[in-house]
Amino acid sequence: MIYPKFLKKNDVIGICAPSAGVGKKLDEFLLSNRVLRSRGYRIKETASVRVNNERSASAKKRAKELDELVTDKKVDFIMCAAGGDYMLEMMPYVDFEHIRENPKWISGMSDPTNILYTVTTGLDIATIYGKNGAGFTFEADKEQETFLKYIAGDIVPQRSYGRYISFMDLKNGIDNYHKVRWICKEKLDISGRLIGGCLESISMLIGTKFDHTNDFIERYKDDGIVWYFDIFDTSAYNFYLTLLQYKNAGWFRYCKGVLIGRVCFPYVENKKLDYIKAADKALGKIPHICEMDIGHTVPYMTMINGALARVRYDDGKGSISFKLK
């Protein structure tokens, strides 16, 4: 596994928009830039970042702007500006050989799973599932501080949080916090090579030329595989079917455990099959933890695709730590 160099002061963070532009949340993006600059980093953004559209540009142009950052020797780290729905359109135009020749950390969350997952499974280059470019504030919260430590190479252990709030409630200023409680049937202490991302995005890659999953898990079978899934709005029934799809594709062989985040927009068609029951039914004896601090509810953990992860769980709480080897 290749781990790109971490950031130091005066290094350049390149920001591109491989999915949506940040035009609808330009104030948040500008604030995020100020936060990153206050930490000593310089920012280079590509031409389409501030576009107010679900597609920041054409698929070819988005790929070209990513490539500009990949091949620019002065850019030290690449961050996706935002999530969205259309990154898959861009994937056929990505120059993966340039990424192989110029390994840099690529970070993002949600729809950027497409590039993160493919780079790690296909090129053996670690990637970071964490903040997008418009996700920073001057408020000192533990989630943000952890991410900033990680991109600087301080890979601290992360522990489950105390309270969480939905992504939309936070955005709308609604004070609707809930108690964090991870859900698992037994005390766990598992380790393995971590891979995952947004469930909806990963499911769109299966069977395509960007699906290097079976090769990846075969390479790292001696470590075992730890999966994590961030669910945006997939219903409980479709979540169940998606897990079965992955299982039938052979993705869960050598699996040490599955980590499942809280659902941003849950939809349970039948109380007999909610998300937890769906995971239990699909995964069976494979160890799994539900309602983890992963993904679209806040706060969420920073995950390193390709790293060795150790996950511990006991009585509703837990932790995750990484080794870069």
C-alpha atoms as a PDB file:
ATOM      1  CA  MET A   1       0.000   0.000   0.000  1.00  0.00           C
ATOM      2  CA  ILE A   2       1.319   3.436  -0.982  1.00  0.00           C
ATOM      3  CA  TYR A   3       0.811   6.210   1.545  1.00  0.00           C
ATOM      4  CA  PRO A   4       1.361   9.645  -0.024  1.00  0.00           C
ATOM      5  CA  LYS A   5       3.232  12.333   1.865  1.00  0.00           C
ATOM      6  CA  PHE A   6       1.339  14.265   4.486  1.00  0.00           C
ATOM      7  CA  LEU A   7       0.970  18.027   4.601  1.00  0.00           C
ATOM      8  CA  LYS A   8       3.268  20.519   6.241  1.00  0.00           C
ATOM      9  CA  LYS A   9       2.950  24.283   6.521  1.00  0.00           C
ATOM     10  CA  ASN A  10       2.978  26.188   3.220  1.00  0.00           C
ATOM     11  CA  ASP A  11       2.014  23.068   1.276  1.00  0.00           C
ATOM     12  CA  VAL A  12      -0.669  23.425  -1.386  1.00  0.00           C
ATOM     13  CA  ILE A  13      -4.111  21.828  -1.174  1.00  0.00           C
ATOM     14  CA  GLY A  14      -5.616  21.502  -4.633  1.00  0.00           C
ATOM     15  CA  ILE A  15      -9.412  21.590  -4.724  1.00  0.00           C
ATOM     16  CA  CYS A  16     -11.439  20.373  -7.701  1.00  0.00           C
ATOM     17  CA  ALA A  17     -15.117  19.582  -8.207  1.00  0.00           C
ATOM     18  CA  PRO A  18     -15.435  16.083  -9.703  1.00  0.00           C
ATOM     19  CA  SER A  19     -19.151  16.035  -8.884  1.00  0.00           C
ATOM     20  CA  ALA A  20     -21.171  19.114  -7.861  1.00  0.00           C
ATOM     21  CA  GLY A  21     -19.864  22.653  -7.673  1.00  0.00           C
ATOM     22  CA  VAL A  22     -20.052  24.691  -4.470  1.00  0.00           C
ATOM     23  CA  GLY A  23     -22.054  27.607  -5.882  1.00  0.00           C
ATOM     24  CA  LYS A  24     -25.029  26.911  -3.605  1.00  0.00           C
ATOM     25  CA  LYS A  25     -22.786  27.008  -0.545  1.00  0.00           C
ATOM     26  CA  LEU A  26     -20.155  29.472  -1.632  1.00  0.00           C
ATOM     27  CA  ASP A  27     -20.068  31.181   1.781  1.00  0.00           C
ATOM     28  CA  GLU A  28     -19.251  27.855   3.422  1.00  0.00           C
ATOM     29  CA  PHE A  29     -16.542  27.181   0.861  1.00  0.00           C
ATOM     30  CA  LEU A  30     -14.920  30.581   1.344  1.00  0.00           C
ATOM     31  CA  LEU A  31     -15.006  30.106   5.100  1.00  0.00           C
ATOM     32  CA  SER A  32     -13.419  26.666   4.688  1.00  0.00           C
ATOM     33  CA  ASN A  33     -10.627  28.200   2.609  1.00  0.00           C
ATOM     34  CA  ARG A  34      -9.938  30.689   5.378  1.00  0.00           C
ATOM     35  CA  VAL A  35      -9.826  27.864   7.941  1.00  0.00           C
ATOM     36  CA  LEU A  36      -7.318  25.880   5.877  1.00  0.00           C
ATOM     37  CA  ARG A  37      -5.180  28.958   5.264  1.00  0.00           C
ATOM     38  CA  SER A  38      -5.228  29.721   8.991  1.00  0.00           C
ATOM     39  CA  ARG A  39      -3.589  26.301   9.480  1.00  0.00           C
ATOM     40  CA  GLY A  40      -0.724  27.323   7.208  1.00  0.00           C
ATOM     41  CA  TYR A  41      -1.858  25.756   3.930  1.00  0.00           C
ATOM     42  CA  ARG A  42      -2.133  27.382   0.530  1.00  0.00           C
ATOM     43  CA  ILE A  43      -5.115  26.709  -1.732  1.00  0.00           C
ATOM     44  CA  LYS A  44      -5.299  26.120  -5.465  1.00  0.00           C
ATOM     45  CA  GLU A  45      -8.758  25.590  -6.913  1.00  0.00           C
ATOM     46  CA  THR A  46      -9.659  24.550 -10.417  1.00  0.00           C
ATOM     47  CA  ALA A  47     -11.916  26.561 -12.720  1.00  0.00           C
ATOM     48  CA  SER A  48     -15.221  24.793 -12.086  1.00  0.00           C
ATOM     49  CA  VAL A  49     -15.207  24.595  -8.286  1.00  0.00           C
ATOM     50  CA  ARG A  50     -17.523  27.571  -7.693  1.00  0.00           C
ATOM     51  CA  VAL A  51     -20.088  26.631 -10.330  1.00  0.00           C
ATOM     52  CA  ASN A  52     -23.651  26.519  -9.026  1.00  0.00           C
ATOM     53  CA  ASN A  53     -24.740  23.269 -10.600  1.00  0.00           C
ATOM     54  CA  GLU A  54     -25.169  19.581  -9.783  1.00  0.00           C
ATOM     55  CA  ARG A  55     -22.459  19.007 -12.386  1.00  0.00           C
ATOM     56  CA  SER A  56     -19.614  21.468 -11.965  1.00  0.00           C
ATOM     57  CA  ALA A  57     -18.676  20.965 -15.627  1.00  0.00           C
ATOM     58  CA  SER A  58     -18.827  18.351 -18.368  1.00  0.00           C
ATOM     59  CA  ALA A  59     -17.518  14.911 -17.470  1.00  0.00           C
ATOM     60  CA  LYS A  60     -14.380  15.416 -19.578  1.00  0.00           C
ATOM     61  CA  LYS A  61     -13.665  18.820 -18.076  1.00  0.00           C
ATOM     62  CA  ARG A  62     -14.072  17.559 -14.523  1.00  0.00           C
ATOM     63  CA  ALA A  63     -11.585  14.768 -15.235  1.00  0.00           C
ATOM     64  CA  LYS A  64      -9.193  17.248 -16.837  1.00  0.00           C
ATOM     65  CA  GLU A  65      -9.337  19.535 -13.795  1.00  0.00           C
ATOM     66  CA  LEU A  66      -8.586  16.603 -11.492  1.00  0.00           C
ATOM     67  CA  ASP A  67      -5.663  15.700 -13.748  1.00  0.00           C
ATOM     68  CA  GLU A  68      -4.345  19.277 -13.527  1.00  0.00           C
ATOM     69  CA  LEU A  69      -3.949  18.830  -9.771  1.00  0.00           C
ATOM     70  CA  VAL A  70      -2.559  15.313 -10.062  1.00  0.00           C
ATOM     71  CA  THR A  71       0.218  16.348 -12.466  1.00  0.00           C
ATOM     72  CA  ASP A  72       1.023  19.738 -10.871  1.00  0.00           C
ATOM     73  CA  LYS A  73       4.220  19.172  -8.872  1.00  0.00           C
ATOM     74  CA  LYS A  74       3.389  22.173  -6.688  1.00  0.00           C
ATOM     75  CA  VAL A  75       0.138  20.597  -5.463  1.00  0.00           C
ATOM     76  CA  ASP A  76       0.683  18.380  -2.427  1.00  0.00           C
ATOM     77  CA  PHE A  77      -2.829  17.167  -1.574  1.00  0.00           C
ATOM     78  CA  ILE A  78      -6.119  16.912  -3.476  1.00  0.00           C
ATOM     79  CA  MET A  79      -9.510  17.607  -1.926  1.00  0.00           C
ATOM     80  CA  CYS A  80     -12.907  17.214  -3.579  1.00  0.00           C
ATOM     81  CA  ALA A  81     -15.013  20.352  -3.254  1.00  0.00           C
ATOM     82  CA  ALA A  82     -18.371  18.670  -2.644  1.00  0.00           C
ATOM     83  CA  GLY A  83     -20.442  15.550  -2.988  1.00  0.00           C
ATOM     84  CA  GLY A  84     -23.271  15.146  -5.462  1.00  0.00           C
ATOM     85  CA  ASP A  85     -24.688  12.535  -7.810  1.00  0.00           C
ATOM     86  CA  TYR A  86     -22.823  12.534 -11.109  1.00  0.00           C
ATOM     87  CA  MET A  87     -19.187  11.684 -10.489  1.00  0.00           C
ATOM     88  CA  LEU A  88     -19.614   8.325 -12.192  1.00  0.00           C
ATOM     89  CA  GLU A  89     -19.946  10.180 -15.514  1.00  0.00           C
ATOM     90  CA  MET A  90     -16.386  11.460 -15.105  1.00  0.00           C
ATOM     91  CA  MET A  91     -14.726   8.148 -14.337  1.00  0.00           C
ATOM     92  CA  PRO A  92     -14.088   6.964 -17.949  1.00  0.00           C
ATOM     93  CA  TYR A  93     -12.029  10.116 -18.566  1.00  0.00           C
ATOM     94  CA  VAL A  94      -9.803   9.921 -15.466  1.00  0.00           C
ATOM     95  CA  ASP A  95      -6.118   9.344 -16.252  1.00  0.00           C
ATOM     96  CA  PHE A  96      -5.331   6.669 -13.685  1.00  0.00           C
ATOM     97  CA  GLU A  97      -1.772   6.285 -14.987  1.00  0.00           C
ATOM     98  CA  HIS A  98      -1.098   9.901 -14.033  1.00  0.00           C
ATOM     99  CA  ILE A  99      -2.447   9.164 -10.553  1.00  0.00           C
ATOM    100  CA  ARG A 100      -0.209   6.086 -10.334  1.00  0.00           C
ATOM    101  CA  GLU A 101       2.814   8.164 -11.372  1.00  0.00           C
ATOM    102  CA  ASN A 102       1.974  11.038  -9.001  1.00  0.00           C
ATOM    103  CA  PRO A 103       0.573   9.508  -5.800  1.00  0.00           C
ATOM    104  CA  LYS A 104      -1.034  12.177  -3.621  1.00  0.00           C
ATOM    105  CA  TRP A 105      -3.638  11.989  -0.910  1.00  0.00           C
ATOM    106  CA  ILE A 106      -7.111  12.429  -2.371  1.00  0.00           C
ATOM    107  CA  SER A 107      -9.826  13.213   0.146  1.00  0.00           C
ATOM    108  CA  GLY A 108     -13.563  13.606  -0.048  1.00  0.00           C
ATOM    109  CA  MET A 109     -16.873  12.242   1.127  1.00  0.00           C
ATOM    110  CA  SER A 110     -20.063  10.822  -0.384  1.00  0.00           C
ATOM    111  CA  ASP A 111     -20.031  10.863  -4.242  1.00  0.00           C
ATOM    112  CA  PRO A 112     -16.197  11.200  -4.315  1.00  0.00           C
ATOM    113  CA  THR A 113     -16.232   7.569  -3.154  1.00  0.00           C
ATOM    114  CA  ASN A 114     -16.062   6.746  -6.881  1.00  0.00           C
ATOM    115  CA  ILE A 115     -12.507   8.049  -7.242  1.00  0.00           C
ATOM    116  CA  LEU A 116     -11.301   7.237  -3.715  1.00  0.00           C
ATOM    117  CA  TYR A 117     -12.423   3.615  -3.847  1.00  0.00           C
ATOM    118  CA  THR A 118     -11.052   3.046  -7.354  1.00  0.00           C
ATOM    119  CA  VAL A 119      -7.667   4.608  -6.600  1.00  0.00           C
ATOM    120  CA  THR A 120      -7.186   2.494  -3.474  1.00  0.00           C
ATOM    121  CA  THR A 121      -8.455  -0.823  -4.834  1.00  0.00           C
ATOM    122  CA  GLY A 122      -6.982  -0.400  -8.311  1.00  0.00           C
ATOM    123  CA  LEU A 123      -3.706   1.439  -7.695  1.00  0.00           C
ATOM    124  CA  ASP A 124      -2.883   0.518  -4.073  1.00  0.00           C
ATOM    125  CA  ILE A 125      -2.763   4.201  -3.120  1.00  0.00           C
ATOM    126  CA  ALA A 126      -4.395   5.038   0.205  1.00  0.00           C
ATOM    127  CA  THR A 127      -7.145   7.682   0.195  1.00  0.00           C
ATOM    128  CA  ILE A 128      -9.043   9.585   2.888  1.00  0.00           C
ATOM    129  CA  TYR A 129     -12.807   9.436   3.343  1.00  0.00           C
ATOM    130  CA  GLY A 130     -13.426  12.616   5.299  1.00  0.00           C
ATOM    131  CA  LYS A 131     -14.047  16.292   4.703  1.00  0.00           C
ATOM    132  CA  ASN A 132     -15.017  17.865   1.405  1.00  0.00           C
ATOM    133  CA  GLY A 133     -13.635  21.302   0.567  1.00  0.00           C
ATOM    134  CA  ALA A 134     -16.640  23.222   1.892  1.00  0.00           C
ATOM    135  CA  GLY A 135     -16.841  21.392   5.210  1.00  0.00           C
ATOM    136  CA  PHE A 136     -14.684  23.442   7.586  1.00  0.00           C
ATOM    137  CA  THR A 137     -15.593  26.010  10.244  1.00  0.00           C
ATOM    138  CA  PHE A 138     -13.692  28.093  12.780  1.00  0.00           C
ATOM    139  CA  GLU A 139     -15.556  26.325  15.587  1.00  0.00           C
ATOM    140  CA  ALA A 140     -13.096  23.929  17.227  1.00  0.00           C
ATOM    141  CA  ASP A 141     -14.908  20.586  17.069  1.00  0.00           C
ATOM    142  CA  LYS A 142     -13.219  17.234  17.564  1.00  0.00           C
ATOM    143  CA  GLU A 143     -14.324  15.853  14.196  1.00  0.00           C
ATOM    144  CA  GLN A 144     -12.642  18.653  12.252  1.00  0.00           C
ATOM    145  CA  GLU A 145      -9.539  18.634  14.426  1.00  0.00           C
ATOM    146  CA  THR A 146      -9.136  14.893  13.875  1.00  0.00           C
ATOM    147  CA  PHE A 147      -9.300  15.315  10.103  1.00  0.00           C
ATOM    148  CA  LEU A 148      -6.741  18.150  10.209  1.00  0.00           C
ATOM    149  CA  LYS A 149      -4.445  15.991  12.326  1.00  0.00           C
ATOM    150  CA  TYR A 150      -4.758  13.118   9.865  1.00  0.00           C
ATOM    151  CA  ILE A 151      -3.838  15.145   6.779  1.00  0.00           C
ATOM    152  CA  ALA A 152      -0.753  16.345   8.660  1.00  0.00           C
ATOM    153  CA  GLY A 153       0.249  12.771   9.512  1.00  0.00           C
ATOM    154  CA  ASP A 154      -0.923  12.621  13.135  1.00  0.00           C
ATOM    155  CA  ILE A 155      -3.046   9.466  12.917  1.00  0.00           C
ATOM    156  CA  VAL A 156      -4.669   9.541  16.356  1.00  0.00           C
ATOM    157  CA  PRO A 157      -7.134   6.876  17.523  1.00  0.00           C
ATOM    158  CA  GLN A 158     -10.792   7.873  17.205  1.00  0.00           C
ATOM    159  CA  ARG A 159     -13.447   7.058  19.757  1.00  0.00           C
ATOM    160  CA  SER A 160     -17.211   7.048  19.433  1.00  0.00           C
ATOM    161  CA  TYR A 161     -18.808  10.415  20.058  1.00  0.00           C
ATOM    162  CA  GLY A 162     -21.399  11.274  22.709  1.00  0.00           C
ATOM    163  CA  ARG A 163     -24.146  12.858  20.614  1.00  0.00           C
ATOM    164  CA  TYR A 164     -24.991  13.136  16.937  1.00  0.00           C
ATOM    165  CA  ILE A 165     -27.272  15.194  14.719  1.00  0.00           C
ATOM    166  CA  SER A 166     -28.584  14.641  11.218  1.00  0.00           C
ATOM    167  CA  PHE A 167     -26.842  16.431   8.378  1.00  0.00           C
ATOM    168  CA  MET A 168     -29.976  18.402   7.445  1.00  0.00           C
ATOM    169  CA  ASP A 169     -30.896  19.372  11.020  1.00  0.00           C
ATOM    170  CA  LEU A 170     -27.425  20.777  11.514  1.00  0.00           C
ATOM    171  CA  LYS A 171     -27.590  22.674   8.221  1.00  0.00           C
ATOM    172  CA  ASN A 172     -31.015  24.088   9.122  1.00  0.00           C
ATOM    173  CA  GLY A 173     -29.953  25.070  12.636  1.00  0.00           C
ATOM    174  CA  ILE A 174     -32.333  22.628  14.322  1.00  0.00           C
ATOM    175  CA  ASP A 175     -31.126  21.502  17.757  1.00  0.00           C
ATOM    176  CA  ASN A 176     -32.077  17.843  17.488  1.00  0.00           C
ATOM    177  CA  TYR A 177     -29.192  15.843  18.953  1.00  0.00           C
ATOM    178  CA  HIS A 178     -29.401  12.150  19.761  1.00  0.00           C
ATOM    179  CA  LYS A 179     -27.331   9.887  21.970  1.00  0.00           C
ATOM    180  CA  VAL A 180     -24.674   7.888  20.145  1.00  0.00           C
ATOM    181  CA  ARG A 181     -24.957   4.157  20.666  1.00  0.00           C
ATOM    182  CA  TRP A 182     -23.184   1.730  18.402  1.00  0.00           C
ATOM    183  CA  ILE A 183     -25.134  -1.510  17.969  1.00  0.00           C
ATOM    184  CA  CYS A 184     -23.519  -4.938  17.927  1.00  0.00           C
ATOM    185  CA  LYS A 185     -24.434  -8.342  19.298  1.00  0.00           C
ATOM    186  CA  GLU A 186     -21.109  -8.975  21.007  1.00  0.00           C
ATOM    187  CA  LYS A 187     -17.924  -7.418  22.283  1.00  0.00           C
ATOM    188  CA  LEU A 188     -15.496  -7.080  19.376  1.00  0.00           C
ATOM    189  CA  ASP A 189     -11.816  -6.495  18.732  1.00  0.00           C
ATOM    190  CA  ILE A 190     -11.135  -6.899  15.001  1.00  0.00           C
ATOM    191  CA  SER A 191      -8.334  -5.857  12.646  1.00  0.00           C
ATOM    192  CA  GLY A 192      -7.912  -5.819   8.893  1.00  0.00           C
ATOM    193  CA  ARG A 193      -7.309  -3.789   5.754  1.00  0.00           C
ATOM    194  CA  LEU A 194      -9.966  -1.046   5.573  1.00  0.00           C
ATOM    195  CA  ILE A 195     -11.988  -0.301   2.460  1.00  0.00           C
ATOM    196  CA  GLY A 196     -15.383   1.282   1.854  1.00  0.00           C
ATOM    197  CA  GLY A 197     -17.209   4.551   1.369  1.00  0.00           C
ATOM    198  CA  CYS A 198     -20.687   5.630   0.350  1.00  0.00           C
ATOM    199  CA  LEU A 199     -22.796   2.508  -0.172  1.00  0.00           C
ATOM    200  CA  GLU A 200     -24.737   3.980  -3.077  1.00  0.00           C
ATOM    201  CA  SER A 201     -21.568   4.958  -4.969  1.00  0.00           C
ATOM    202  CA  ILE A 202     -19.807   1.631  -4.441  1.00  0.00           C
ATOM    203  CA  SER A 203     -22.849  -0.278  -5.699  1.00  0.00           C
ATOM    204  CA  MET A 204     -22.648   1.633  -9.005  1.00  0.00           C
ATOM    205  CA  LEU A 205     -19.064   0.450  -9.578  1.00  0.00           C
ATOM    206  CA  ILE A 206     -19.725  -3.263  -9.274  1.00  0.00           C
ATOM    207  CA  GLY A 207     -19.078  -5.102 -12.530  1.00  0.00           C
ATOM    208  CA  THR A 208     -17.586  -2.059 -14.279  1.00  0.00           C
ATOM    209  CA  LYS A 209     -13.980  -1.615 -15.389  1.00  0.00           C
ATOM    210  CA  PHE A 210     -13.456   0.412 -12.191  1.00  0.00           C
ATOM    211  CA  ASP A 211     -14.322  -2.570 -10.005  1.00  0.00           C
ATOM    212  CA  HIS A 212     -10.983  -3.900  -8.732  1.00  0.00           C
ATOM    213  CA  THR A 213     -12.520  -5.180  -5.515  1.00  0.00           C
ATOM    214  CA  ASN A 214     -11.822  -8.892  -5.842  1.00  0.00           C
ATOM    215  CA  ASP A 215      -8.201  -8.268  -6.827  1.00  0.00           C
ATOM    216  CA  PHE A 216      -7.797  -5.968  -3.826  1.00  0.00           C
ATOM    217  CA  ILE A 217      -9.205  -8.348  -1.249  1.00  0.00           C
ATOM    218  CA  GLU A 218      -7.206 -11.220  -2.722  1.00  0.00           C
ATOM    219  CA  ARG A 219      -3.982  -9.184  -2.376  1.00  0.00           C
ATOM    220  CA  TYR A 220      -4.723  -8.438   1.259  1.00  0.00           C
ATOM    221  CA  LYS A 221      -6.357 -11.696   2.296  1.00  0.00           C
ATOM    222  CA  ASP A 222      -3.628 -12.365   4.870  1.00  0.00           C
ATOM    223  CA  ASP A 223      -4.566  -9.114   6.651  1.00  0.00           C
ATOM    224  CA  GLY A 224      -8.281  -9.721   6.326  1.00  0.00           C
ATOM    225  CA  ILE A 225     -10.688  -7.040   5.160  1.00  0.00           C
ATOM    226  CA  VAL A 226     -12.690  -4.567   7.235  1.00  0.00           C
ATOM    227  CA  TRP A 227     -15.486  -2.919   5.260  1.00  0.00           C
ATOM    228  CA  TYR A 228     -17.260   0.332   6.119  1.00  0.00           C
ATOM    229  CA  PHE A 229     -20.446   1.701   4.567  1.00  0.00           C
ATOM    230  CA  ASP A 230     -21.851   5.217   4.694  1.00  0.00           C
ATOM    231  CA  ILE A 231     -25.553   5.149   3.740  1.00  0.00           C
ATOM    232  CA  PHE A 232     -27.114   8.338   2.397  1.00  0.00           C
ATOM    233  CA  ASP A 233     -30.744   7.514   1.569  1.00  0.00           C
ATOM    234  CA  THR A 234     -30.939   3.873   0.498  1.00  0.00           C
ATOM    235  CA  SER A 235     -33.996   2.228   2.023  1.00  0.00           C
ATOM    236  CA  ALA A 236     -33.646  -0.625   4.506  1.00  0.00           C
ATOM    237  CA  TYR A 237     -34.895  -3.139   1.914  1.00  0.00           C
ATOM    238  CA  ASN A 238     -32.454  -1.944  -0.761  1.00  0.00           C
ATOM    239  CA  PHE A 239     -29.660  -1.902   1.820  1.00  0.00           C
ATOM    240  CA  TYR A 240     -30.383  -5.566   2.483  1.00  0.00           C
ATOM    241  CA  LEU A 241     -30.320  -6.397  -1.235  1.00  0.00           C
ATOM    242  CA  THR A 242     -27.106  -4.424  -1.761  1.00  0.00           C
ATOM    243  CA  LEU A 243     -25.349  -6.345   1.011  1.00  0.00           C
ATOM    244  CA  LEU A 244     -26.504  -9.576  -0.620  1.00  0.00           C
ATOM    245  CA  GLN A 245     -25.169  -8.330  -3.954  1.00  0.00           C
ATOM    246  CA  TYR A 246     -21.736  -7.677  -2.411  1.00  0.00           C
ATOM    247  CA  LYS A 247     -21.831 -11.023  -0.659  1.00  0.00           C
ATOM    248  CA  ASN A 248     -22.750 -12.894  -3.851  1.00  0.00           C
ATOM    249  CA  ALA A 249     -19.946 -11.081  -5.686  1.00  0.00           C
ATOM    250  CA  GLY A 250     -17.482 -12.598  -3.223  1.00  0.00           C
ATOM    251  CA  TRP A 251     -16.607  -9.314  -1.581  1.00  0.00           C
ATOM    252  CA  PHE A 252     -17.011 -10.582   1.976  1.00  0.00           C
ATOM    253  CA  ARG A 253     -14.523 -13.433   1.774  1.00  0.00           C
ATOM    254  CA  TYR A 254     -11.653 -12.854   4.214  1.00  0.00           C
ATOM    255  CA  CYS A 255     -13.931 -10.288   5.892  1.00  0.00           C
ATOM    256  CA  LYS A 256     -13.080  -9.563   9.532  1.00  0.00           C
ATOM    257  CA  GLY A 257     -15.983  -7.201  10.047  1.00  0.00           C
ATOM    258  CA  VAL A 258     -18.399  -4.661   8.552  1.00  0.00           C
ATOM    259  CA  LEU A 259     -18.840  -1.131   9.923  1.00  0.00           C
ATOM    260  CA  ILE A 260     -22.141   0.549   9.125  1.00  0.00           C
ATOM    261  CA  GLY A 261     -22.851   4.235   9.637  1.00  0.00           C
ATOM    262  CA  ARG A 262     -26.084   5.941  10.605  1.00  0.00           C
ATOM    263  CA  VAL A 263     -28.432   6.631   7.691  1.00  0.00           C
ATOM    264  CA  CYS A 264     -28.821  10.281   6.719  1.00  0.00           C
ATOM    265  CA  PHE A 265     -32.343   9.883   5.272  1.00  0.00           C
ATOM    266  CA  PRO A 266     -33.705   6.579   6.578  1.00  0.00           C
ATOM    267  CA  TYR A 267     -36.668   4.848   4.967  1.00  0.00           C
ATOM    268  CA  VAL A 268     -37.956   1.598   6.431  1.00  0.00           C
ATOM    269  CA  GLU A 269     -40.602  -0.055   4.270  1.00  0.00           C
ATOM    270  CA  ASN A 270     -41.402  -2.766   6.821  1.00  0.00           C
ATOM    271  CA  LYS A 271     -40.640  -2.747  10.548  1.00  0.00           C
ATOM    272  CA  LYS A 272     -39.717  -6.413  10.245  1.00  0.00           C
ATOM    273  CA  LEU A 273     -36.675  -5.357   8.198  1.00  0.00           C
ATOM    274  CA  ASP A 274     -35.118  -2.152   9.501  1.00  0.00           C
ATOM    275  CA  TYR A 275     -31.447  -1.361   8.808  1.00  0.00           C
ATOM    276  CA  ILE A 276     -30.125  -3.324  11.771  1.00  0.00           C
ATOM    277  CA  LYS A 277     -32.236  -6.375  10.979  1.00  0.00           C
ATOM    278  CA  ALA A 278     -31.207  -6.070   7.317  1.00  0.00           C
ATOM    279  CA  ALA A 279     -27.528  -6.158   8.298  1.00  0.00           C
ATOM    280  CA  ASP A 280     -28.104  -9.122  10.626  1.00  0.00           C
ATOM    281  CA  LYS A 281     -30.005 -11.054   7.968  1.00  0.00           C
ATOM    282  CA  ALA A 282     -27.581 -10.352   5.110  1.00  0.00           C
ATOM    283  CA  LEU A 283     -24.291 -10.667   7.002  1.00  0.00           C
ATOM    284  CA  GLY A 284     -25.165 -13.532   9.308  1.00  0.00           C
ATOM    285  CA  LYS A 285     -22.114 -14.568  11.325  1.00  0.00           C
ATOM    286  CA  ILE A 286     -19.850 -11.876   9.844  1.00  0.00           C
ATOM    287  CA  PRO A 287     -19.106  -9.467  12.727  1.00  0.00           C
ATOM    288  CA  HIS A 288     -20.774  -6.102  12.145  1.00  0.00           C
ATOM    289  CA  ILE A 289     -21.478  -2.897  13.998  1.00  0.00           C
ATOM    290  CA  CYS A 290     -24.392  -0.589  13.137  1.00  0.00           C
ATOM    291  CA  GLU A 291     -25.093   3.070  13.925  1.00  0.00           C
ATOM    292  CA  MET A 292     -21.414   4.013  13.854  1.00  0.00           C
ATOM    293  CA  ASP A 293     -20.045   7.565  13.522  1.00  0.00           C
ATOM    294  CA  ILE A 294     -19.450   7.179   9.797  1.00  0.00           C
ATOM    295  CA  GLY A 295     -20.728   9.356   7.001  1.00  0.00           C
ATOM    296  CA  HIS A 296     -23.572  11.804   6.586  1.00  0.00           C
ATOM    297  CA  THR A 297     -24.625  12.358  10.201  1.00  0.00           C
ATOM    298  CA  VAL A 298     -22.510  14.656  12.357  1.00  0.00           C
ATOM    299  CA  PRO A 299     -19.977  14.078  13.850  1.00  0.00           C
ATOM    300  CA  TYR A 300     -18.316  11.451  11.675  1.00  0.00           C
ATOM    301  CA  MET A 301     -14.940   9.749  11.764  1.00  0.00           C
ATOM    302  CA  THR A 302     -12.084  10.140   9.290  1.00  0.00           C
ATOM    303  CA  MET A 303     -11.432   6.849   7.496  1.00  0.00           C
ATOM    304  CA  ILE A 304      -8.259   5.821   5.630  1.00  0.00           C
ATOM    305  CA  ASN A 305      -8.926   3.505   2.713  1.00  0.00           C
ATOM    306  CA  GLY A 306      -6.129   0.953   2.432  1.00  0.00           C
ATOM    307  CA  ALA A 307      -4.785   1.290   5.968  1.00  0.00           C
ATOM    308  CA  LEU A 308      -4.753  -1.447   8.583  1.00  0.00           C
ATOM    309  CA  ALA A 309      -7.611  -0.707  10.967  1.00  0.00           C
ATOM    310  CA  ARG A 310      -8.283  -1.985  14.445  1.00  0.00           C
ATOM    311  CA  VAL A 311     -11.865  -1.650  15.667  1.00  0.00           C
ATOM    312  CA  ARG A 312     -13.007  -2.247  19.214  1.00  0.00           C
ATOM    313  CA  TYR A 313     -16.569  -2.376  20.505  1.00  0.00           C
ATOM    314  CA  ASP A 314     -18.073  -2.855  23.945  1.00  0.00           C
ATOM    315  CA  ASP A 315     -21.450  -1.877  25.387  1.00  0.00           C
ATOM    316  CA  GLY A 316     -22.545   0.695  22.821  1.00  0.00           C
ATOM    317  CA  LYS A 317     -19.191   2.445  22.437  1.00  0.00           C
ATOM    318  CA  GLY A 318     -16.012   1.802  20.534  1.00  0.00           C
ATOM    319  CA  SER A 319     -12.904   3.047  18.794  1.00  0.00           C
ATOM    320  CA  ILE A 320     -10.934   2.782  15.574  1.00  0.00           C
ATOM    321  CA  SER A 321      -7.202   3.196  15.058  1.00  0.00           C
ATOM    322  CA  PHE A 322      -4.978   2.881  12.002  1.00  0.00           C
ATOM    323  CA  LYS A 323      -1.543   1.600  11.100  1.00  0.00           C
ATOM    324  CA  LEU A 324      -0.024   2.747   7.810  1.00  0.00           C
ATOM    325  CA  LYS A 325       1.756  -0.399   6.659  1.00  0.00           C
END
